[in-house]
Amino acid sequence: MTAFLALGLLFQTVSPDAAEHAKAALAAKQRGDIKQAIIEFRKVTELAPDLAAGYINLGAALLEHHQYADAIAPLKKALSLNHSLAAAEQMLGYALLSAGYTNEALPHLEKNGDAGALGIAQVKLGRFPEAIRNLNAALEKHPNDPELLYYLGRASGLLSKQAFDVLESSFPNSAEAHQSLAENYVALRKLPEAEREYQAAVKARPDLPGLHLAMGEMYLEVPDLAKAESEFRAETQLEPGDAESSYRLGDVLLREGKIKEAAAELTRADALRPDMPETLYALAKAQSLTGDAAGAEKNWKRVIELEAHSDLAAQSHFSLAGLYRKQGKQAEAAREMSEYESLKHGPPSVQ
């Protein structure tokens, strides 16, 4: 918009014909007729070939019409006539980037481009750490922008792959390389191959933090609860201060029916990291099975406070309904079932 207004201020410095075309271009732009605006701005550049504002406006109109390659020449001309045009510099960077000339776009974007466009260019050039930094900065100003989110995810994924490729090629016998391969096999649902790689990782470095936790999660996929318990227990011994490992152990103990031991471990997990909804839900379930109705009620209610609209909250309402029913509190049970139904299926329709 600044570029279009700037041209309006220069009407007095150009010929009457150029001024008329400039007015017509601005009027077309104002009513949303970009095609006509392009025609009129092009006439301005022909009649006033030394007027930088004419070229910058033509370039802006071409960009708005998604004619990125066509916008490059007039924007370059604008900069050749006036090197201090920051808007032309920025738009030229966008045009070059959008037309695929990423290397040429980069210096313009570094000089006057925004962090988002610069980050996208850096992704395309394989400069992933810099791209991630700029894309995160852009997302602070424009949260939930789908294009920025896409390129941030792409940059993060490619940087991760690059790191794992170096790990596996340079240190193929390391515990970390075996763990990386194991995680890839888990993602492909090739669990025997994953188990083989995890075992190789343990042999190489049995005290590697997080390794037994990952193995335990793999055994849950099988499922083999006994092996999962063994791995989670090993992780809690290696990292006694890790809340997730403690929660995983408590949860698998609960699944195995080892209720008192599960309740103790889940209580420890909650102390290590208070208010983790998954821990609170599992702890409440264990408490209800050991007869601690007050503790179960408190923790299920806390889950609902923390994330009122999640599936975990819905299950907490359902569990509270069962708890109240056993206690003969029919009104409270009915209320919780109503909340559960609302979360699972939406509020009832009004007839």
Protein backbone atom coordinates (compact mmCIF):
# COMPACT_ATOMS: atom_id res chain seq x y z
CA MET A 1 0.00 0.00 0.00
CA THR A 2 2.86 2.40 0.77
CA ALA A 3 4.26 1.95 -2.72
CA PHE A 4 0.92 2.74 -4.38
CA LEU A 5 0.43 5.88 -2.31
CA ALA A 6 3.99 7.00 -3.04
CA LEU A 7 3.21 6.98 -6.74
CA GLY A 8 0.20 9.17 -6.12
CA LEU A 9 2.44 11.81 -4.54
CA LEU A 10 4.54 11.94 -7.70
CA PHE A 11 1.74 12.77 -10.13
CA GLN A 12 3.01 16.36 -10.36
CA THR A 13 6.49 15.24 -11.48
CA VAL A 14 5.39 13.25 -14.55
CA SER A 15 3.67 14.08 -17.81
CA PRO A 16 -0.13 14.48 -17.84
CA ASP A 17 -0.46 11.20 -19.78
CA ALA A 18 1.63 9.29 -17.25
CA ALA A 19 -0.33 10.87 -14.40
CA GLU A 20 -3.65 9.77 -15.96
CA HIS A 21 -2.45 6.19 -16.28
CA ALA A 22 -1.17 6.30 -12.72
CA LYS A 23 -4.58 7.49 -11.49
CA ALA A 24 -6.30 4.79 -13.54
CA ALA A 25 -3.93 2.15 -12.11
CA LEU A 26 -4.61 3.20 -8.54
CA ALA A 27 -8.36 3.24 -9.19
CA ALA A 28 -8.20 -0.27 -10.70
CA LYS A 29 -6.18 -1.47 -7.72
CA GLN A 30 -8.71 0.09 -5.36
CA ARG A 31 -11.63 -1.79 -6.93
CA GLY A 32 -9.69 -5.05 -7.03
CA ASP A 33 -9.08 -5.17 -10.79
CA ILE A 34 -5.43 -6.20 -10.65
CA LYS A 35 -5.21 -7.13 -14.35
CA GLN A 36 -6.19 -3.61 -15.35
CA ALA A 37 -3.89 -2.13 -12.73
CA ILE A 38 -0.98 -4.04 -14.28
CA ILE A 39 -1.83 -2.67 -17.73
CA GLU A 40 -1.99 0.89 -16.41
CA PHE A 41 1.18 0.64 -14.33
CA ARG A 42 3.01 -0.75 -17.34
CA LYS A 43 1.92 2.35 -19.31
CA VAL A 44 3.31 4.54 -16.51
CA THR A 45 6.72 2.86 -16.83
CA GLU A 46 6.68 3.39 -20.60
CA LEU A 47 5.74 7.07 -20.32
CA ALA A 48 7.99 7.77 -17.29
CA PRO A 49 10.94 5.37 -17.68
CA ASP A 50 13.01 7.11 -15.01
CA LEU A 51 10.30 6.96 -12.31
CA ALA A 52 11.22 4.23 -9.79
CA ALA A 53 7.76 4.37 -8.18
CA GLY A 54 6.17 3.25 -11.45
CA TYR A 55 8.26 0.09 -11.56
CA ILE A 56 7.79 -0.75 -7.90
CA ASN A 57 4.02 -0.44 -8.27
CA LEU A 58 4.04 -2.58 -11.39
CA GLY A 59 6.09 -5.19 -9.52
CA ALA A 60 3.71 -5.07 -6.54
CA ALA A 61 0.68 -5.56 -8.80
CA LEU A 62 2.33 -8.49 -10.58
CA LEU A 63 3.14 -10.10 -7.22
CA GLU A 64 -0.45 -9.65 -6.11
CA HIS A 65 -1.54 -11.38 -9.32
CA HIS A 66 0.93 -14.22 -8.58
CA GLN A 67 3.03 -13.41 -11.66
CA TYR A 68 6.24 -13.80 -9.70
CA ALA A 69 8.67 -14.25 -12.58
CA ASP A 70 7.20 -11.23 -14.42
CA ALA A 71 7.60 -9.08 -11.29
CA ILE A 72 11.38 -9.56 -11.16
CA ALA A 73 12.38 -7.23 -14.02
CA PRO A 74 10.39 -4.13 -12.93
CA LEU A 75 11.51 -4.55 -9.31
CA LYS A 76 15.14 -4.80 -10.38
CA LYS A 77 14.64 -1.68 -12.50
CA ALA A 78 13.16 0.16 -9.52
CA LEU A 79 16.22 -0.69 -7.44
CA SER A 80 18.59 0.36 -10.23
CA LEU A 81 16.88 3.77 -10.24
CA ASN A 82 16.77 4.06 -6.44
CA HIS A 83 18.96 1.77 -4.31
CA SER A 84 17.29 2.86 -1.07
CA LEU A 85 13.83 1.43 -1.86
CA ALA A 86 13.45 -1.08 0.98
CA ALA A 87 10.02 -2.18 -0.24
CA ALA A 88 11.41 -2.99 -3.69
CA GLU A 89 14.26 -4.95 -2.11
CA GLN A 90 11.82 -6.99 -0.05
CA MET A 91 9.40 -7.62 -2.91
CA LEU A 92 12.24 -8.59 -5.23
CA GLY A 93 13.33 -11.16 -2.67
CA TYR A 94 9.76 -12.58 -2.57
CA ALA A 95 9.51 -12.62 -6.36
CA LEU A 96 12.84 -14.39 -6.84
CA LEU A 97 12.06 -16.92 -4.11
CA SER A 98 8.59 -17.65 -5.50
CA ALA A 99 9.98 -18.04 -9.03
CA GLY A 100 12.58 -20.55 -7.83
CA TYR A 101 15.67 -18.30 -7.91
CA THR A 102 16.45 -19.01 -4.26
CA ASN A 103 20.18 -18.25 -4.33
CA GLU A 104 19.54 -14.88 -5.94
CA ALA A 105 16.68 -14.14 -3.55
CA LEU A 106 18.71 -14.77 -0.41
CA PRO A 107 20.74 -11.52 -0.22
CA HIS A 108 17.61 -9.42 -0.81
CA LEU A 109 15.72 -11.28 1.91
CA GLU A 110 18.67 -11.02 4.31
CA LYS A 111 18.78 -7.27 3.74
CA ASN A 112 15.11 -6.35 3.88
CA GLY A 113 13.02 -9.52 3.93
CA ASP A 114 10.97 -10.86 6.82
CA ALA A 115 12.15 -13.80 8.90
CA GLY A 116 9.54 -16.15 7.45
CA ALA A 117 10.54 -15.70 3.81
CA LEU A 118 14.20 -15.83 4.77
CA GLY A 119 13.60 -19.07 6.68
CA ILE A 120 11.81 -20.63 3.70
CA ALA A 121 14.72 -19.72 1.44
CA GLN A 122 17.17 -21.24 3.90
CA VAL A 123 15.15 -24.48 3.99
CA LYS A 124 15.35 -24.70 0.21
CA LEU A 125 19.12 -24.15 0.37
CA GLY A 126 19.63 -26.78 3.08
CA ARG A 127 20.61 -24.29 5.77
CA PHE A 128 18.38 -25.93 8.36
CA PRO A 129 19.65 -24.53 11.71
CA GLU A 130 19.36 -20.94 10.43
CA ALA A 131 15.98 -21.72 8.86
CA ILE A 132 14.60 -23.11 12.11
CA ARG A 133 15.75 -20.03 14.00
CA ASN A 134 14.10 -17.63 11.51
CA LEU A 135 10.90 -19.64 11.14
CA ASN A 136 10.46 -19.77 14.92
CA ALA A 137 10.93 -16.00 15.04
CA ALA A 138 8.33 -15.55 12.29
CA LEU A 139 5.85 -17.82 14.09
CA GLU A 140 6.10 -15.66 17.20
CA LYS A 141 4.63 -12.82 15.12
CA HIS A 142 2.28 -14.99 13.05
CA PRO A 143 1.22 -17.99 15.17
CA ASN A 144 -0.41 -20.92 13.37
CA ASP A 145 0.56 -19.71 9.89
CA PRO A 146 0.24 -22.95 7.87
CA GLU A 147 3.10 -22.15 5.46
CA LEU A 148 5.50 -21.29 8.27
CA LEU A 149 4.47 -24.39 10.22
CA TYR A 150 5.00 -26.57 7.16
CA TYR A 151 8.50 -25.27 6.49
CA LEU A 152 9.44 -25.40 10.18
CA GLY A 153 8.36 -29.04 10.30
CA ARG A 154 10.22 -29.75 7.07
CA ALA A 155 13.40 -28.05 8.27
CA SER A 156 13.27 -29.85 11.62
CA GLY A 157 12.67 -33.21 9.95
CA LEU A 158 15.44 -32.75 7.41
CA LEU A 159 17.89 -31.55 10.05
CA SER A 160 17.00 -34.57 12.17
CA LYS A 161 17.48 -36.91 9.21
CA GLN A 162 20.77 -35.26 8.37
CA ALA A 163 22.01 -35.78 11.92
CA PHE A 164 20.89 -39.42 12.01
CA ASP A 165 22.48 -40.09 8.62
CA VAL A 166 25.81 -38.77 9.90
CA LEU A 167 25.39 -40.78 13.11
CA GLU A 168 24.67 -44.05 11.29
CA SER A 169 27.39 -43.61 8.65
CA SER A 170 30.15 -42.28 10.91
CA PHE A 171 29.42 -44.29 14.08
CA PRO A 172 27.57 -47.41 12.87
CA ASN A 173 28.49 -49.50 15.93
CA SER A 174 27.52 -46.90 18.52
CA ALA A 175 24.60 -47.45 20.88
CA GLU A 176 22.99 -44.31 19.51
CA ALA A 177 23.16 -45.59 15.92
CA HIS A 178 21.56 -48.89 16.91
CA GLN A 179 18.85 -47.01 18.82
CA SER A 180 18.18 -44.79 15.81
CA LEU A 181 17.76 -47.83 13.58
CA ALA A 182 15.53 -49.47 16.17
CA GLU A 183 13.24 -46.44 16.29
CA ASN A 184 12.96 -46.49 12.50
CA TYR A 185 11.97 -50.17 12.61
CA VAL A 186 9.36 -49.43 15.28
CA ALA A 187 7.87 -46.74 13.05
CA LEU A 188 7.69 -49.34 10.25
CA ARG A 189 6.10 -51.86 12.65
CA LYS A 190 9.08 -54.20 12.16
CA LEU A 191 9.31 -55.13 15.82
CA PRO A 192 11.68 -58.15 15.63
CA GLU A 193 14.22 -56.03 13.75
CA ALA A 194 13.68 -53.20 16.25
CA GLU A 195 14.27 -55.56 19.18
CA ARG A 196 17.50 -56.77 17.61
CA GLU A 197 18.81 -53.22 17.23
CA TYR A 198 17.75 -52.22 20.75
CA GLN A 199 19.56 -55.24 22.17
CA ALA A 200 22.68 -54.26 20.21
CA ALA A 201 22.39 -50.75 21.67
CA VAL A 202 22.12 -52.13 25.21
CA LYS A 203 25.16 -54.32 24.61
CA ALA A 204 27.15 -51.31 23.41
CA ARG A 205 26.04 -49.01 26.22
CA PRO A 206 23.62 -50.38 28.82
CA ASP A 207 23.50 -47.11 30.77
CA LEU A 208 22.45 -44.90 27.84
CA PRO A 209 19.68 -42.59 29.18
CA GLY A 210 16.30 -43.17 27.56
CA LEU A 211 17.27 -46.45 25.92
CA HIS A 212 15.38 -48.75 28.28
CA LEU A 213 12.39 -46.38 28.19
CA ALA A 214 12.26 -46.67 24.40
CA MET A 215 12.57 -50.45 24.60
CA GLY A 216 9.74 -50.61 27.10
CA GLU A 217 7.50 -48.60 24.79
CA MET A 218 8.35 -51.02 21.97
CA TYR A 219 7.32 -54.00 24.12
CA LEU A 220 4.00 -52.30 24.81
CA GLU A 221 3.40 -52.44 21.05
CA VAL A 222 3.84 -56.24 20.96
CA PRO A 223 2.34 -56.34 23.66
CA ASP A 224 4.66 -57.99 26.16
CA LEU A 225 3.89 -56.41 29.51
CA ALA A 226 6.48 -58.38 31.46
CA LYS A 227 9.33 -57.24 29.20
CA ALA A 228 7.97 -53.69 29.18
CA GLU A 229 7.93 -53.67 32.98
CA SER A 230 11.53 -54.93 33.08
CA GLU A 231 12.73 -52.17 30.76
CA PHE A 232 10.80 -49.40 32.51
CA ARG A 233 12.14 -50.61 35.85
CA ALA A 234 15.69 -50.54 34.47
CA GLU A 235 15.16 -46.97 33.29
CA THR A 236 13.87 -45.83 36.69
CA GLN A 237 16.98 -47.30 38.29
CA LEU A 238 19.23 -45.46 35.83
CA GLU A 239 17.23 -42.21 36.04
CA PRO A 240 15.40 -42.17 39.38
CA GLY A 241 14.46 -38.53 38.87
CA ASP A 242 12.73 -39.04 35.50
CA ALA A 243 8.96 -38.66 35.89
CA GLU A 244 8.07 -40.22 32.56
CA SER A 245 9.92 -43.45 33.30
CA SER A 246 8.23 -43.66 36.68
CA TYR A 247 4.82 -43.06 35.09
CA ARG A 248 5.45 -45.70 32.42
CA LEU A 249 6.43 -48.24 35.07
CA GLY A 250 3.39 -47.42 37.20
CA ASP A 251 1.06 -47.62 34.20
CA VAL A 252 2.33 -51.03 33.07
CA LEU A 253 2.13 -52.34 36.64
CA LEU A 254 -1.50 -51.20 36.66
CA ARG A 255 -2.16 -53.06 33.42
CA GLU A 256 -0.61 -56.19 34.94
CA GLY A 257 -2.92 -55.99 37.95
CA LYS A 258 -0.13 -55.11 40.41
CA ILE A 259 -2.30 -52.40 41.88
CA LYS A 260 -0.56 -51.45 45.14
CA GLU A 261 2.86 -51.34 43.49
CA ALA A 262 1.37 -49.30 40.63
CA ALA A 263 -0.19 -46.81 43.04
CA ALA A 264 3.14 -46.32 44.82
CA GLU A 265 5.06 -45.78 41.57
CA LEU A 266 2.45 -43.42 40.16
CA THR A 267 2.47 -41.42 43.39
CA ARG A 268 6.25 -41.10 42.97
CA ALA A 269 5.81 -40.00 39.34
CA ASP A 270 3.32 -37.33 40.42
CA ALA A 271 5.77 -36.04 43.01
CA LEU A 272 8.52 -35.83 40.40
CA ARG A 273 6.33 -33.94 37.92
CA PRO A 274 3.07 -32.71 39.46
CA ASP A 275 -0.08 -32.24 37.40
CA MET A 276 0.82 -34.47 34.46
CA PRO A 277 -2.73 -35.50 33.38
CA GLU A 278 -1.77 -39.02 32.25
CA THR A 279 -0.13 -39.73 35.61
CA LEU A 280 -3.07 -38.34 37.56
CA TYR A 281 -5.59 -40.39 35.59
CA ALA A 282 -3.65 -43.64 36.07
CA LEU A 283 -3.05 -42.85 39.76
CA ALA A 284 -6.76 -42.20 40.29
CA LYS A 285 -7.57 -45.53 38.65
CA ALA A 286 -5.10 -47.32 40.94
CA GLN A 287 -6.50 -45.50 43.98
CA SER A 288 -10.06 -46.50 43.11
CA LEU A 289 -8.97 -50.14 42.87
CA THR A 290 -7.22 -50.00 46.26
CA GLY A 291 -10.30 -48.45 47.92
CA ASP A 292 -8.95 -44.88 48.15
CA ALA A 293 -12.11 -43.27 46.79
CA ALA A 294 -11.22 -39.80 48.06
CA GLY A 295 -7.83 -39.87 46.35
CA ALA A 296 -9.34 -41.17 43.12
CA GLU A 297 -12.04 -38.49 43.14
CA LYS A 298 -9.50 -35.73 43.79
CA ASN A 299 -7.17 -36.80 40.97
CA TRP A 300 -9.88 -37.40 38.35
CA LYS A 301 -11.28 -33.94 39.14
CA ARG A 302 -7.80 -32.50 38.76
CA VAL A 303 -7.45 -34.08 35.30
CA ILE A 304 -10.68 -32.34 34.29
CA GLU A 305 -9.40 -29.01 35.64
CA LEU A 306 -6.17 -29.33 33.67
CA GLU A 307 -7.68 -30.25 30.28
CA ALA A 308 -11.44 -29.97 30.36
CA HIS A 309 -12.16 -30.97 26.75
CA SER A 310 -9.74 -33.85 26.13
CA ASP A 311 -10.44 -37.58 25.80
CA LEU A 312 -8.70 -38.03 29.14
CA ALA A 313 -11.15 -35.59 30.71
CA ALA A 314 -14.05 -37.52 29.19
CA GLN A 315 -12.72 -40.77 30.66
CA SER A 316 -12.31 -39.03 34.01
CA HIS A 317 -15.99 -38.00 33.96
CA PHE A 318 -16.93 -41.60 33.11
CA SER A 319 -14.80 -42.95 35.96
CA LEU A 320 -16.23 -40.43 38.41
CA ALA A 321 -19.72 -41.50 37.39
CA GLY A 322 -18.86 -45.11 38.28
CA LEU A 323 -17.29 -44.03 41.56
CA TYR A 324 -20.36 -41.99 42.58
CA ARG A 325 -22.69 -44.79 41.54
CA LYS A 326 -20.93 -47.18 43.90
CA GLN A 327 -21.29 -44.61 46.67
CA GLY A 328 -25.03 -44.25 46.01
CA LYS A 329 -24.65 -40.66 44.79
CA GLN A 330 -27.00 -40.96 41.85
CA ALA A 331 -27.33 -37.24 41.10
CA GLU A 332 -23.56 -36.79 40.96
CA ALA A 333 -23.21 -39.94 38.83
CA ALA A 334 -25.84 -38.68 36.39
CA ARG A 335 -24.10 -35.31 36.14
CA GLU A 336 -20.74 -36.93 35.35
CA MET A 337 -22.30 -39.21 32.72
CA SER A 338 -23.91 -36.18 31.12
CA GLU A 339 -20.50 -34.46 30.97
CA TYR A 340 -18.99 -37.63 29.52
CA GLU A 341 -21.66 -37.89 26.81
CA SER A 342 -21.26 -34.21 25.97
CA LEU A 343 -17.51 -34.58 25.49
CA LYS A 344 -17.73 -37.83 23.53
CA HIS A 345 -20.71 -37.04 21.32
CA GLY A 346 -21.39 -33.31 21.71
CA PRO A 347 -24.36 -31.67 23.49
CA PRO A 348 -27.81 -33.12 22.72
CA SER A 349 -29.70 -31.37 19.93
CA VAL A 350 -32.62 -29.14 20.83
CA GLN A 351 -35.89 -30.53 19.41
